[in-house]
Every structure is written in structure tokens, then in C-alpha cells.
Amino acid sequence: MTDDRRLQSRRVLRQMDHLIMALSVDADAATGPGGEPPRPGFLLSLYWIDFTVEVSERPLSGHVAYAWSDGADGGTPFEAILTDAPELEHGLGARMRPGQWPLSDPDRPVRRATFRRRQTEPWGYDYTVTTPDGLMIEARWADLAPPVFGVGPARGGDVTIATVLTEAMSPSVRINGRPYPGASFANPIWTPWFGSERGSCILGLGETIYEPLD
């Protein structure tokens, strides 16, 4: 019997989870004529970085989140870059900032924040993000769909990512105690990864960024 197994060793650059919540108040009308959904009213793109050697010789870890709200919850609209490790955003922001819907001011100063994560039953995640100046985001990715495993080029094409992807079927968020009224909507950007249409609230778990294969 021929052993056709092949061992491919590559240097690991980053390990992380990436949780995305994009909500629209008018989810049924969220897809435009070209198939691209417009900018959501609420976005939270949250990274928990367990390990990276891309910023310094010393491995770093921490959280970085990009968030905005249009105020549909009755609160004040805002856009913010939130982190408990500013050096991560300074070093990796060009790779992590939202690409499909860019920030209106990607060079805005970062805001210090604390991040609390909780796993929920039967399978879901809560994150509470708070800042000293009074912002609190309580996000819940609940009712997770069966996951898929994917490998492909990461943004920029110069590194490879291996990830376990799942969709939150019942996402929700509260901003300073006010529930945001939006819902998930179809986002075709995820179809190549899943092989079928998926919504706009996706979790990438156990993601590994490594040097590309030959």
C-alpha cells in the first residue's frame, strides 16, 4: 500500500477567533441590484488574538474590535476602534479593519476597552465590551449552525488561513442597555467558503494564519 500522506510545515504567524455581527434594520431589502449588501446599520468585527509574531519579536495577544451603530436603537450613532492591546491594532490594523464595509475614519484613535467572553448553551458565545467613557456593547452569537472547515488565502493573498466557520442564526446586541432592532441578512461574500448562501453574522473559530504553501 502506498503511503501518499504529505507533511507540509509552515511557520505560524497568528492564531485567533474572529466574530462578526452585521445587522440591518431592513434585512429584507439589504441586498442591492449588484448582489452586494449595503453598509449595515450595526457592525461588530471582533478579534481575539491568542498569539501573533507579526507585530514584534515578542509574541502578543489581546482583543481588537471595530464597531459602529447608526443609532437605530435610540442611542447616539458612533464608530469606534476598541482594544485592550493598542499595539495589535497599530501593527495589524491594515489586515483586520473591515474590508467589505470600510470604517468612515480608519485612522481614528483607538479606545481602551475591556472584553469579557462567555460561552452559552447549547452552543454560542457572548461578548461584553466596555470602555471607561461609558460605552457598553453586549453581543450574543446564539443558535450556531453546523461548522465547516476551510483553507484559503487570507486578505492580501500573501498568507494562508485555516479556519472553522459557523453562522449565528439568532444574533442580538444591546448597546448601553438598549437592544438594537436589526437582523442578520444574506451576505454572498461567504458563499465560496461555505458552499452555499449564509448570513451576515459569522464566527471564525480557531483560525490559524501561516506562511503560504508552495
Protein backbone atom coordinates (compact mmCIF):
# COMPACT_ATOMS: atom_id res chain seq x y z
CA MET A 1 0.00 0.00 0.00
CA THR A 2 1.37 3.39 -0.97
CA ASP A 3 1.57 5.99 1.76
CA ASP A 4 0.64 9.22 -0.02
CA ARG A 5 0.50 11.37 3.09
CA ARG A 6 2.38 14.64 2.74
CA LEU A 7 3.73 16.70 5.60
CA GLN A 8 3.83 20.45 4.99
CA SER A 9 5.46 22.54 7.69
CA ARG A 10 4.94 26.29 7.73
CA ARG A 11 5.63 28.98 10.29
CA VAL A 12 2.51 30.02 12.20
CA LEU A 13 2.05 33.79 12.25
CA ARG A 14 -1.22 34.20 14.17
CA GLN A 15 -3.89 32.21 15.96
CA MET A 16 -7.23 33.85 16.72
CA ASP A 17 -11.02 33.85 16.76
CA HIS A 18 -12.88 36.38 14.60
CA LEU A 19 -16.53 37.08 15.44
CA ILE A 20 -18.59 39.20 13.04
CA MET A 21 -22.03 40.65 13.66
CA ALA A 22 -23.57 42.78 10.90
CA LEU A 23 -27.22 43.78 11.38
CA SER A 24 -29.66 45.70 9.21
CA VAL A 25 -32.95 47.21 10.33
CA ASP A 26 -34.45 46.38 6.92
CA ALA A 27 -32.89 42.94 6.41
CA ASP A 28 -35.22 42.00 3.53
CA ALA A 29 -34.01 44.98 1.49
CA ALA A 30 -30.36 44.60 2.42
CA THR A 31 -29.15 43.24 -0.94
CA GLY A 32 -28.70 45.75 -3.73
CA PRO A 33 -29.09 45.27 -7.52
CA GLY A 34 -25.49 44.10 -7.86
CA GLY A 35 -25.88 41.43 -5.19
CA GLU A 36 -23.73 43.32 -2.69
CA PRO A 37 -25.40 44.18 0.61
CA PRO A 38 -25.15 47.84 1.62
CA ARG A 39 -23.41 49.04 4.75
CA PRO A 40 -25.14 47.54 7.81
CA GLY A 41 -26.60 49.76 10.49
CA PHE A 42 -24.65 47.92 13.17
CA LEU A 43 -21.31 46.18 12.82
CA LEU A 44 -19.07 44.47 15.33
CA SER A 45 -15.93 42.83 13.96
CA LEU A 46 -14.17 41.40 17.00
CA TYR A 47 -10.81 39.64 17.11
CA TRP A 48 -9.46 37.62 20.00
CA ILE A 49 -5.81 37.10 19.15
CA ASP A 50 -4.28 34.32 21.19
CA PHE A 51 -0.85 34.56 19.56
CA THR A 52 0.90 36.61 16.89
CA VAL A 53 4.50 37.23 15.90
CA GLU A 54 3.61 39.72 13.16
CA VAL A 55 3.95 42.83 15.32
CA SER A 56 7.12 42.25 17.33
CA GLU A 57 9.67 39.60 18.16
CA ARG A 58 7.76 39.04 21.39
CA PRO A 59 4.50 37.12 20.84
CA LEU A 60 1.47 39.30 21.59
CA SER A 61 -2.15 38.57 22.50
CA GLY A 62 -5.30 40.57 23.14
CA HIS A 63 -8.55 41.85 21.62
CA VAL A 64 -9.31 44.33 18.83
CA ALA A 65 -12.84 45.28 17.78
CA TYR A 66 -14.23 47.56 15.09
CA ALA A 67 -17.76 48.75 15.78
CA TRP A 68 -20.35 51.22 14.62
CA SER A 69 -24.05 51.90 15.06
CA ASP A 70 -26.40 54.16 13.13
CA GLY A 71 -28.42 54.87 16.28
CA ALA A 72 -31.47 52.78 15.33
CA ASP A 73 -31.57 51.61 18.96
CA GLY A 74 -32.41 55.17 20.03
CA GLY A 75 -28.86 55.93 21.13
CA THR A 76 -26.20 58.17 19.66
CA PRO A 77 -24.58 56.90 16.44
CA PHE A 78 -20.92 56.04 16.86
CA GLU A 79 -17.92 54.43 15.22
CA ALA A 80 -15.05 53.11 17.33
CA ILE A 81 -11.86 51.06 17.35
CA LEU A 82 -11.75 49.23 20.68
CA THR A 83 -8.84 47.27 22.13
CA ASP A 84 -7.07 46.09 25.26
CA ALA A 85 -3.79 45.89 23.34
CA PRO A 86 -3.23 49.01 21.17
CA GLU A 87 -0.02 47.64 19.70
CA LEU A 88 -2.04 44.91 17.98
CA GLU A 89 -4.26 47.39 16.16
CA HIS A 90 -1.29 49.60 15.29
CA GLY A 91 0.59 46.64 13.84
CA LEU A 92 -2.23 44.62 12.25
CA GLY A 93 -4.98 47.17 11.64
CA ALA A 94 -4.41 47.24 7.89
CA ARG A 95 -5.17 43.50 7.81
CA MET A 96 -8.02 43.47 10.32
CA ARG A 97 -10.08 46.60 9.66
CA PRO A 98 -13.38 45.83 7.91
CA GLY A 99 -12.80 45.38 4.18
CA GLN A 100 -16.30 44.87 2.82
CA TRP A 101 -17.63 47.95 4.62
CA PRO A 102 -14.68 50.23 5.49
CA LEU A 103 -14.63 52.49 8.51
CA SER A 104 -15.51 56.10 7.78
CA ASP A 105 -12.33 57.12 9.65
CA PRO A 106 -9.87 54.21 9.81
CA ASP A 107 -7.19 56.45 11.34
CA ARG A 108 -9.27 57.46 14.36
CA PRO A 109 -7.57 56.98 17.76
CA VAL A 110 -8.18 53.63 19.42
CA ARG A 111 -10.26 53.47 22.60
CA ARG A 112 -9.21 51.33 25.52
CA ALA A 113 -11.77 48.66 26.36
CA THR A 114 -12.26 45.54 28.40
CA PHE A 115 -13.58 42.33 26.86
CA ARG A 116 -15.49 39.59 28.65
CA ARG A 117 -16.33 36.38 26.84
CA ARG A 118 -18.82 33.73 27.90
CA GLN A 119 -19.83 30.50 26.21
CA THR A 120 -23.57 29.86 26.21
CA GLU A 121 -25.63 26.67 25.94
CA PRO A 122 -26.14 24.67 23.86
CA TRP A 123 -23.50 26.36 21.68
CA GLY A 124 -22.99 30.07 21.37
CA TYR A 125 -20.90 32.99 22.56
CA ASP A 126 -21.49 36.26 24.37
CA TYR A 127 -19.06 39.15 24.42
CA THR A 128 -19.37 42.23 26.61
CA VAL A 129 -17.15 45.13 25.55
CA THR A 130 -16.93 48.16 27.85
CA THR A 131 -14.96 51.40 27.77
CA PRO A 132 -14.09 53.73 30.66
CA ASP A 133 -16.04 56.56 28.99
CA GLY A 134 -19.34 54.69 29.15
CA LEU A 135 -19.81 52.57 26.03
CA MET A 136 -21.09 49.03 26.60
CA ILE A 137 -21.73 46.53 23.80
CA GLU A 138 -23.34 43.22 24.77
CA ALA A 139 -23.26 40.95 21.72
CA ARG A 140 -24.66 37.42 21.50
CA TRP A 141 -23.98 34.91 18.74
CA ALA A 142 -26.61 32.25 19.50
CA ASP A 143 -28.09 29.19 17.78
CA LEU A 144 -24.91 28.35 15.86
CA ALA A 145 -25.20 26.34 12.64
CA PRO A 146 -23.06 23.24 11.92
CA PRO A 147 -19.50 24.39 11.22
CA VAL A 148 -17.38 23.94 8.10
CA PHE A 149 -13.60 23.79 7.78
CA GLY A 150 -11.89 25.95 5.19
CA VAL A 151 -8.38 26.73 3.99
CA GLY A 152 -7.54 29.55 1.62
CA PRO A 153 -5.72 32.83 1.09
CA ALA A 154 -6.26 35.49 3.73
CA ARG A 155 -6.78 39.13 2.87
CA GLY A 156 -3.86 40.42 0.81
CA GLY A 157 -3.12 36.96 -0.59
CA ASP A 158 0.35 36.75 0.96
CA VAL A 159 -0.60 34.38 3.80
CA THR A 160 -2.89 31.35 4.19
CA ILE A 161 -5.68 30.87 6.71
CA ALA A 162 -7.20 27.67 8.09
CA THR A 163 -10.47 28.21 9.93
CA VAL A 164 -13.61 26.63 11.34
CA LEU A 165 -16.59 28.75 10.26
CA THR A 166 -20.11 28.77 11.65
CA GLU A 167 -23.12 31.06 11.33
CA ALA A 168 -25.09 32.57 14.21
CA MET A 169 -28.75 32.06 13.36
CA SER A 170 -30.01 34.17 16.29
CA PRO A 171 -27.66 37.13 16.74
CA SER A 172 -28.50 40.04 19.03
CA VAL A 173 -26.83 43.05 20.59
CA ARG A 174 -27.52 45.62 23.27
CA ILE A 175 -25.77 49.00 23.23
CA ASN A 176 -25.70 50.69 26.64
CA GLY A 177 -28.64 48.51 27.62
CA ARG A 178 -30.74 49.27 24.52
CA PRO A 179 -31.49 46.37 22.14
CA TYR A 180 -30.53 47.11 18.55
CA PRO A 181 -33.56 46.31 16.32
CA GLY A 182 -31.66 44.95 13.29
CA ALA A 183 -31.36 41.40 11.99
CA SER A 184 -28.91 39.29 10.01
CA PHE A 185 -29.10 39.42 6.21
CA ALA A 186 -27.78 37.36 3.30
CA ASN A 187 -24.15 38.13 2.51
CA PRO A 188 -22.78 36.48 -0.65
CA ILE A 189 -19.18 37.07 0.43
CA TRP A 190 -19.40 33.87 2.50
CA THR A 191 -20.75 31.59 -0.25
CA PRO A 192 -17.32 30.43 -1.53
CA TRP A 193 -16.27 29.44 1.99
CA PHE A 194 -19.46 27.59 2.94
CA GLY A 195 -20.52 26.35 -0.50
CA SER A 196 -23.98 27.87 -0.01
CA GLU A 197 -25.56 31.17 0.97
CA ARG A 198 -25.01 32.36 4.52
CA GLY A 199 -25.98 35.33 6.62
CA SER A 200 -24.02 38.29 7.91
CA CYS A 201 -23.20 37.03 11.43
CA ILE A 202 -20.27 34.63 11.13
CA LEU A 203 -17.73 33.23 13.57
CA GLY A 204 -14.26 32.11 12.53
CA LEU A 205 -13.02 29.89 15.37
CA GLY A 206 -9.51 28.58 15.93
CA GLU A 207 -8.19 30.47 12.92
CA THR A 208 -4.54 29.91 12.08
CA ILE A 209 -2.63 32.30 9.83
CA TYR A 210 0.56 30.83 8.42
CA GLU A 211 3.08 31.29 5.66
CA PRO A 212 1.59 30.24 2.31
CA LEU A 213 2.01 26.77 0.86
CA ASP A 214 4.11 26.39 -2.27
